[in-house]
Amino acid sequence: EPGRAEQMAAYHKQNREVLGIPNPALNELT
């Protein structure tokens, strides 16, 4: 989801690559 990666990286305090995928979409895919 465009623009989501930056928000997620900040919220989760991530230095690793963050793609920016909503959790419901990740749940459905897996």
PDB file of all heavy atoms in Angstrom:
ATOM      1  N   GLU A   1       0.866  -1.179   0.000  1.00  0.00           N
ATOM      2  CA  GLU A   1       0.000   0.000   0.000  1.00  0.00           C
ATOM      3  C   GLU A   1       0.907   1.235   0.000  1.00  0.00           C
ATOM      4  O   GLU A   1       1.654   1.446   0.958  1.00  0.00           O
ATOM      5  CB  GLU A   1      -0.887  -0.006   1.247  1.00  0.00           C
ATOM      6  CG  GLU A   1      -1.943   1.074   1.279  1.00  0.00           C
ATOM      7  CD  GLU A   1      -2.837   0.931   2.494  1.00  0.00           C
ATOM      8  OE1 GLU A   1      -3.697   0.021   2.487  1.00  0.00           O
ATOM      9  OE2 GLU A   1      -2.671   1.709   3.447  1.00  0.00           O
ATOM     10  N   PRO A   2       0.873   2.029  -1.050  1.00  0.00           N
ATOM     11  CA  PRO A   2       1.788   3.174  -1.153  1.00  0.00           C
ATOM     12  C   PRO A   2       1.726   4.081   0.078  1.00  0.00           C
ATOM     13  O   PRO A   2       0.643   4.400   0.581  1.00  0.00           O
ATOM     14  CB  PRO A   2       1.298   3.904  -2.408  1.00  0.00           C
ATOM     15  CG  PRO A   2       0.651   2.826  -3.230  1.00  0.00           C
ATOM     16  CD  PRO A   2      -0.006   1.907  -2.236  1.00  0.00           C
ATOM     17  N   GLY A   3       2.899   4.453   0.577  1.00  0.00           N
ATOM     18  CA  GLY A   3       2.998   5.352   1.718  1.00  0.00           C
ATOM     19  C   GLY A   3       2.882   4.686   3.065  1.00  0.00           C
ATOM     20  O   GLY A   3       3.108   5.326   4.097  1.00  0.00           O
ATOM     21  N   ARG A   4       2.545   3.408   3.083  1.00  0.00           N
ATOM     22  CA  ARG A   4       2.329   2.729   4.353  1.00  0.00           C
ATOM     23  C   ARG A   4       3.641   2.283   5.002  1.00  0.00           C
ATOM     24  O   ARG A   4       3.739   2.205   6.229  1.00  0.00           O
ATOM     25  CB  ARG A   4       1.414   1.528   4.139  1.00  0.00           C
ATOM     26  CG  ARG A   4       0.935   0.865   5.422  1.00  0.00           C
ATOM     27  CD  ARG A   4       0.004  -0.303   5.131  1.00  0.00           C
ATOM     28  NE  ARG A   4      -0.542  -0.857   6.357  1.00  0.00           N
ATOM     29  CZ  ARG A   4      -1.652  -0.447   6.946  1.00  0.00           C
ATOM     30  NH1 ARG A   4      -2.346   0.537   6.389  1.00  0.00           N
ATOM     31  NH2 ARG A   4      -2.074  -0.993   8.069  1.00  0.00           N
ATOM     32  N   ALA A   5       4.646   1.971   4.185  1.00  0.00           N
ATOM     33  CA  ALA A   5       5.888   1.413   4.720  1.00  0.00           C
ATOM     34  C   ALA A   5       6.550   2.345   5.723  1.00  0.00           C
ATOM     35  O   ALA A   5       7.018   1.907   6.784  1.00  0.00           O
ATOM     36  CB  ALA A   5       6.851   1.099   3.577  1.00  0.00           C
ATOM     37  N   GLU A   6       6.588   3.631   5.410  1.00  0.00           N
ATOM     38  CA  GLU A   6       7.247   4.595   6.296  1.00  0.00           C
ATOM     39  C   GLU A   6       6.536   4.658   7.644  1.00  0.00           C
ATOM     40  O   GLU A   6       7.172   4.708   8.709  1.00  0.00           O
ATOM     41  CB  GLU A   6       7.272   5.977   5.651  1.00  0.00           C
ATOM     42  CG  GLU A   6       8.144   6.078   4.410  1.00  0.00           C
ATOM     43  CD  GLU A   6       7.488   5.506   3.165  1.00  0.00           C
ATOM     44  OE1 GLU A   6       6.277   5.138   3.216  1.00  0.00           O
ATOM     45  OE2 GLU A   6       8.182   5.424   2.125  1.00  0.00           O
ATOM     46  N   GLN A   7       5.209   4.660   7.622  1.00  0.00           N
ATOM     47  CA  GLN A   7       4.434   4.711   8.860  1.00  0.00           C
ATOM     48  C   GLN A   7       4.673   3.453   9.700  1.00  0.00           C
ATOM     49  O   GLN A   7       4.861   3.532  10.919  1.00  0.00           O
ATOM     50  CB  GLN A   7       2.944   4.843   8.540  1.00  0.00           C
ATOM     51  CG  GLN A   7       2.561   6.111   7.794  1.00  0.00           C
ATOM     52  CD  GLN A   7       1.104   6.106   7.363  1.00  0.00           C
ATOM     53  OE1 GLN A   7       0.321   5.244   7.756  1.00  0.00           O
ATOM     54  NE2 GLN A   7       0.735   7.078   6.541  1.00  0.00           N
ATOM     55  N   MET A   8       4.675   2.303   9.037  1.00  0.00           N
ATOM     56  CA  MET A   8       4.878   1.049   9.762  1.00  0.00           C
ATOM     57  C   MET A   8       6.288   0.960  10.333  1.00  0.00           C
ATOM     58  O   MET A   8       6.478   0.503  11.467  1.00  0.00           O
ATOM     59  CB  MET A   8       4.605  -0.138   8.831  1.00  0.00           C
ATOM     60  CG  MET A   8       3.148  -0.335   8.480  1.00  0.00           C
ATOM     61  SD  MET A   8       2.889  -1.713   7.324  1.00  0.00           S
ATOM     62  CE  MET A   8       3.565  -3.102   8.253  1.00  0.00           C
ATOM     63  N   ALA A   9       7.268   1.387   9.563  1.00  0.00           N
ATOM     64  CA  ALA A   9       8.652   1.334  10.040  1.00  0.00           C
ATOM     65  C   ALA A   9       8.825   2.190  11.280  1.00  0.00           C
ATOM     66  O   ALA A   9       9.520   1.808  12.231  1.00  0.00           O
ATOM     67  CB  ALA A   9       9.603   1.790   8.938  1.00  0.00           C
ATOM     68  N   ALA A  10       8.179   3.352  11.299  1.00  0.00           N
ATOM     69  CA  ALA A  10       8.275   4.235  12.452  1.00  0.00           C
ATOM     70  C   ALA A  10       7.548   3.648  13.655  1.00  0.00           C
ATOM     71  O   ALA A  10       8.062   3.649  14.782  1.00  0.00           O
ATOM     72  CB  ALA A  10       7.700   5.606  12.110  1.00  0.00           C
ATOM     73  N   TYR A  11       6.347   3.116  13.418  1.00  0.00           N
ATOM     74  CA  TYR A  11       5.551   2.563  14.526  1.00  0.00           C
ATOM     75  C   TYR A  11       6.220   1.349  15.147  1.00  0.00           C
ATOM     76  O   TYR A  11       6.265   1.200  16.373  1.00  0.00           O
ATOM     77  CB  TYR A  11       4.152   2.201  14.018  1.00  0.00           C
ATOM     78  CG  TYR A  11       3.279   1.565  15.067  1.00  0.00           C
ATOM     79  CD1 TYR A  11       2.752   2.311  16.113  1.00  0.00           C
ATOM     80  CD2 TYR A  11       2.976   0.196  15.018  1.00  0.00           C
ATOM     81  CE1 TYR A  11       1.945   1.736  17.080  1.00  0.00           C
ATOM     82  CE2 TYR A  11       2.175  -0.390  15.987  1.00  0.00           C
ATOM     83  CZ  TYR A  11       1.666   0.381  17.016  1.00  0.00           C
ATOM     84  OH  TYR A  11       0.879  -0.192  17.974  1.00  0.00           O
ATOM     85  N   HIS A  12       6.731   0.467  14.309  1.00  0.00           N
ATOM     86  CA  HIS A  12       7.348  -0.768  14.796  1.00  0.00           C
ATOM     87  C   HIS A  12       8.849  -0.619  15.059  1.00  0.00           C
ATOM     88  O   HIS A  12       9.499  -1.595  15.428  1.00  0.00           O
ATOM     89  CB  HIS A  12       7.117  -1.895  13.776  1.00  0.00           C
ATOM     90  CG  HIS A  12       5.683  -2.306  13.666  1.00  0.00           C
ATOM     91  ND1 HIS A  12       5.019  -3.001  14.651  1.00  0.00           N
ATOM     92  CD2 HIS A  12       4.773  -2.114  12.666  1.00  0.00           C
ATOM     93  CE1 HIS A  12       3.778  -3.228  14.281  1.00  0.00           C
ATOM     94  NE2 HIS A  12       3.593  -2.702  13.079  1.00  0.00           N
ATOM     95  N   LYS A  13       9.367   0.590  14.846  1.00  0.00           N
ATOM     96  CA  LYS A  13      10.780   0.881  15.107  1.00  0.00           C
ATOM     97  C   LYS A  13      11.691  -0.114  14.371  1.00  0.00           C
ATOM     98  O   LYS A  13      12.557  -0.757  14.977  1.00  0.00           O
ATOM     99  CB  LYS A  13      11.067   0.878  16.608  1.00  0.00           C
ATOM    100  CG  LYS A  13      10.308   1.962  17.370  1.00  0.00           C
ATOM    101  CD  LYS A  13      10.615   1.904  18.848  1.00  0.00           C
ATOM    102  CE  LYS A  13      10.019   3.104  19.577  1.00  0.00           C
ATOM    103  NZ  LYS A  13       8.540   3.166  19.489  1.00  0.00           N
ATOM    104  N   GLN A  14      11.466  -0.215  13.060  1.00  0.00           N
ATOM    105  CA  GLN A  14      12.182  -1.180  12.243  1.00  0.00           C
ATOM    106  C   GLN A  14      13.305  -0.537  11.439  1.00  0.00           C
ATOM    107  O   GLN A  14      13.116   0.501  10.808  1.00  0.00           O
ATOM    108  CB  GLN A  14      11.211  -1.860  11.272  1.00  0.00           C
ATOM    109  CG  GLN A  14      10.190  -2.755  11.940  1.00  0.00           C
ATOM    110  CD  GLN A  14      10.836  -3.920  12.638  1.00  0.00           C
ATOM    111  OE1 GLN A  14      11.414  -4.797  12.007  1.00  0.00           O
ATOM    112  NE2 GLN A  14      10.741  -3.943  13.955  1.00  0.00           N
ATOM    113  N   ASN A  15      14.463  -1.184  11.469  1.00  0.00           N
ATOM    114  CA  ASN A  15      15.562  -0.817  10.585  1.00  0.00           C
ATOM    115  C   ASN A  15      15.606  -1.731   9.367  1.00  0.00           C
ATOM    116  O   ASN A  15      16.212  -1.394   8.351  1.00  0.00           O
ATOM    117  CB  ASN A  15      16.900  -0.884  11.326  1.00  0.00           C
ATOM    118  CG  ASN A  15      17.004   0.158  12.428  1.00  0.00           C
ATOM    119  OD1 ASN A  15      16.584   1.291  12.231  1.00  0.00           O
ATOM    120  ND2 ASN A  15      17.537  -0.227  13.578  1.00  0.00           N
ATOM    121  N   ARG A  16      14.971  -2.912   9.472  1.00  0.00           N
ATOM    122  CA  ARG A  16      14.904  -3.831   8.338  1.00  0.00           C
ATOM    123  C   ARG A  16      13.915  -3.302   7.303  1.00  0.00           C
ATOM    124  O   ARG A  16      13.132  -2.384   7.583  1.00  0.00           O
ATOM    125  CB  ARG A  16      14.496  -5.230   8.804  1.00  0.00           C
ATOM    126  CG  ARG A  16      13.167  -5.259   9.545  1.00  0.00           C
ATOM    127  CD  ARG A  16      12.711  -6.671   9.875  1.00  0.00           C
ATOM    128  NE  ARG A  16      13.721  -7.476  10.532  1.00  0.00           N
ATOM    129  CZ  ARG A  16      13.924  -7.502  11.855  1.00  0.00           C
ATOM    130  NH1 ARG A  16      13.190  -6.715  12.653  1.00  0.00           N
ATOM    131  NH2 ARG A  16      14.835  -8.285  12.387  1.00  0.00           N
ATOM    132  N   GLU A  17      13.920  -3.887   6.130  1.00  0.00           N
ATOM    133  CA  GLU A  17      13.002  -3.463   5.070  1.00  0.00           C
ATOM    134  C   GLU A  17      11.555  -3.725   5.480  1.00  0.00           C
ATOM    135  O   GLU A  17      11.209  -4.806   5.961  1.00  0.00           O
ATOM    136  CB  GLU A  17      13.305  -4.204   3.769  1.00  0.00           C
ATOM    137  CG  GLU A  17      12.397  -3.798   2.613  1.00  0.00           C
ATOM    138  CD  GLU A  17      12.683  -4.541   1.319  1.00  0.00           C
ATOM    139  OE1 GLU A  17      13.585  -5.411   1.318  1.00  0.00           O
ATOM    140  OE2 GLU A  17      12.007  -4.258   0.310  1.00  0.00           O
ATOM    141  N   VAL A  18      10.722  -2.720   5.299  1.00  0.00           N
ATOM    142  CA  VAL A  18       9.284  -2.833   5.540  1.00  0.00           C
ATOM    143  C   VAL A  18       8.584  -2.548   4.215  1.00  0.00           C
ATOM    144  O   VAL A  18       8.832  -1.519   3.578  1.00  0.00           O
ATOM    145  CB  VAL A  18       8.803  -1.848   6.622  1.00  0.00           C
ATOM    146  CG1 VAL A  18       7.299  -1.947   6.806  1.00  0.00           C
ATOM    147  CG2 VAL A  18       9.538  -2.091   7.938  1.00  0.00           C
ATOM    148  N   LEU A  19       7.715  -3.457   3.800  1.00  0.00           N
ATOM    149  CA  LEU A  19       7.056  -3.302   2.503  1.00  0.00           C
ATOM    150  C   LEU A  19       5.866  -2.363   2.568  1.00  0.00           C
ATOM    151  O   LEU A  19       5.625  -1.584   1.652  1.00  0.00           O
ATOM    152  CB  LEU A  19       6.608  -4.673   1.984  1.00  0.00           C
ATOM    153  CG  LEU A  19       7.707  -5.712   1.773  1.00  0.00           C
ATOM    154  CD1 LEU A  19       7.109  -7.040   1.306  1.00  0.00           C
ATOM    155  CD2 LEU A  19       8.746  -5.207   0.776  1.00  0.00           C
ATOM    156  N   GLY A  20       5.104  -2.439   3.663  1.00  0.00           N
ATOM    157  CA  GLY A  20       3.905  -1.628   3.785  1.00  0.00           C
ATOM    158  C   GLY A  20       2.660  -2.376   3.358  1.00  0.00           C
ATOM    159  O   GLY A  20       1.921  -1.938   2.472  1.00  0.00           O
ATOM    160  N   ILE A  21       2.407  -3.530   4.003  1.00  0.00           N
ATOM    161  CA  ILE A  21       1.255  -4.373   3.669  1.00  0.00           C
ATOM    162  C   ILE A  21       0.292  -4.379   4.849  1.00  0.00           C
ATOM    163  O   ILE A  21       0.691  -4.689   5.977  1.00  0.00           O
ATOM    164  CB  ILE A  21       1.699  -5.819   3.362  1.00  0.00           C
ATOM    165  CG1 ILE A  21       2.686  -5.834   2.185  1.00  0.00           C
ATOM    166  CG2 ILE A  21       0.493  -6.707   3.061  1.00  0.00           C
ATOM    167  CD1 ILE A  21       3.299  -7.209   1.935  1.00  0.00           C
ATOM    168  N   PRO A  22      -0.983  -4.062   4.642  1.00  0.00           N
ATOM    169  CA  PRO A  22      -1.961  -4.121   5.732  1.00  0.00           C
ATOM    170  C   PRO A  22      -2.081  -5.554   6.268  1.00  0.00           C
ATOM    171  O   PRO A  22      -2.027  -6.523   5.500  1.00  0.00           O
ATOM    172  CB  PRO A  22      -3.266  -3.666   5.076  1.00  0.00           C
ATOM    173  CG  PRO A  22      -2.835  -2.943   3.845  1.00  0.00           C
ATOM    174  CD  PRO A  22      -1.582  -3.596   3.385  1.00  0.00           C
ATOM    175  N   ASN A  23      -2.281  -5.686   7.568  1.00  0.00           N
ATOM    176  CA  ASN A  23      -2.340  -7.011   8.170  1.00  0.00           C
ATOM    177  C   ASN A  23      -3.480  -7.870   7.624  1.00  0.00           C
ATOM    178  O   ASN A  23      -3.291  -9.069   7.409  1.00  0.00           O
ATOM    179  CB  ASN A  23      -2.445  -6.903   9.696  1.00  0.00           C
ATOM    180  CG  ASN A  23      -1.968  -8.159  10.388  1.00  0.00           C
ATOM    181  OD1 ASN A  23      -0.886  -8.674  10.093  1.00  0.00           O
ATOM    182  ND2 ASN A  23      -2.754  -8.645  11.323  1.00  0.00           N
ATOM    183  N   PRO A  24      -4.681  -7.315   7.375  1.00  0.00           N
ATOM    184  CA  PRO A  24      -5.741  -8.160   6.798  1.00  0.00           C
ATOM    185  C   PRO A  24      -5.336  -8.776   5.458  1.00  0.00           C
ATOM    186  O   PRO A  24      -5.670  -9.938   5.181  1.00  0.00           O
ATOM    187  CB  PRO A  24      -6.916  -7.188   6.636  1.00  0.00           C
ATOM    188  CG  PRO A  24      -6.684  -6.151   7.690  1.00  0.00           C
ATOM    189  CD  PRO A  24      -5.197  -5.969   7.722  1.00  0.00           C
ATOM    190  N   ALA A  25      -4.632  -8.022   4.631  1.00  0.00           N
ATOM    191  CA  ALA A  25      -4.191  -8.556   3.343  1.00  0.00           C
ATOM    192  C   ALA A  25      -3.157  -9.655   3.541  1.00  0.00           C
ATOM    193  O   ALA A  25      -3.165 -10.676   2.836  1.00  0.00           O
ATOM    194  CB  ALA A  25      -3.611  -7.430   2.490  1.00  0.00           C
ATOM    195  N   LEU A  26      -2.277  -9.466   4.517  1.00  0.00           N
ATOM    196  CA  LEU A  26      -1.265 -10.480   4.814  1.00  0.00           C
ATOM    197  C   LEU A  26      -1.927 -11.746   5.355  1.00  0.00           C
ATOM    198  O   LEU A  26      -1.539 -12.871   5.011  1.00  0.00           O
ATOM    199  CB  LEU A  26      -0.274  -9.919   5.828  1.00  0.00           C
ATOM    200  CG  LEU A  26       1.052 -10.661   6.008  1.00  0.00           C
ATOM    201  CD1 LEU A  26       1.826 -10.717   4.696  1.00  0.00           C
ATOM    202  CD2 LEU A  26       1.885  -9.986   7.095  1.00  0.00           C
ATOM    203  N   ASN A  27      -2.953 -11.577   6.176  1.00  0.00           N
ATOM    204  CA  ASN A  27      -3.685 -12.732   6.708  1.00  0.00           C
ATOM    205  C   ASN A  27      -4.337 -13.534   5.586  1.00  0.00           C
ATOM    206  O   ASN A  27      -4.296 -14.767   5.578  1.00  0.00           O
ATOM    207  CB  ASN A  27      -4.773 -12.268   7.683  1.00  0.00           C
ATOM    208  CG  ASN A  27      -4.210 -11.826   9.014  1.00  0.00           C
ATOM    209  OD1 ASN A  27      -3.105 -12.212   9.393  1.00  0.00           O
ATOM    210  ND2 ASN A  27      -4.961 -11.020   9.733  1.00  0.00           N
ATOM    211  N   GLU A  28      -4.968 -12.829   4.654  1.00  0.00           N
ATOM    212  CA  GLU A  28      -5.671 -13.499   3.558  1.00  0.00           C
ATOM    213  C   GLU A  28      -4.698 -14.256   2.660  1.00  0.00           C
ATOM    214  O   GLU A  28      -4.963 -15.389   2.244  1.00  0.00           O
ATOM    215  CB  GLU A  28      -6.461 -12.475   2.745  1.00  0.00           C
ATOM    216  CG  GLU A  28      -7.434 -13.088   1.751  1.00  0.00           C
ATOM    217  CD  GLU A  28      -8.560 -13.865   2.404  1.00  0.00           C
ATOM    218  OE1 GLU A  28      -8.885 -13.575   3.575  1.00  0.00           O
ATOM    219  OE2 GLU A  28      -9.109 -14.789   1.752  1.00  0.00           O
ATOM    220  N   LEU A  29      -3.560 -13.644   2.388  1.00  0.00           N
ATOM    221  CA  LEU A  29      -2.567 -14.284   1.529  1.00  0.00           C
ATOM    222  C   LEU A  29      -2.012 -15.542   2.192  1.00  0.00           C
ATOM    223  O   LEU A  29      -1.956 -16.611   1.561  1.00  0.00           O
ATOM    224  CB  LEU A  29      -1.424 -13.308   1.232  1.00  0.00           C
ATOM    225  CG  LEU A  29      -0.287 -13.859   0.361  1.00  0.00           C
ATOM    226  CD1 LEU A  29      -0.793 -14.251  -1.018  1.00  0.00           C
ATOM    227  CD2 LEU A  29       0.846 -12.832   0.250  1.00  0.00           C
ATOM    228  N   THR A  30      -1.614 -15.445   3.440  1.00  0.00           N
ATOM    229  CA  THR A  30      -1.014 -16.600   4.114  1.00  0.00           C
ATOM    230  C   THR A  30      -2.045 -17.699   4.385  1.00  0.00           C
ATOM    231  O   THR A  30      -1.694 -18.877   4.417  1.00  0.00           O
ATOM    232  CB  THR A  30      -0.330 -16.181   5.423  1.00  0.00           C
ATOM    233  OG1 THR A  30      -1.250 -15.429   6.240  1.00  0.00           O
ATOM    234  CG2 THR A  30       0.895 -15.320   5.144  1.00  0.00           C
TER     235      THR A  30
END
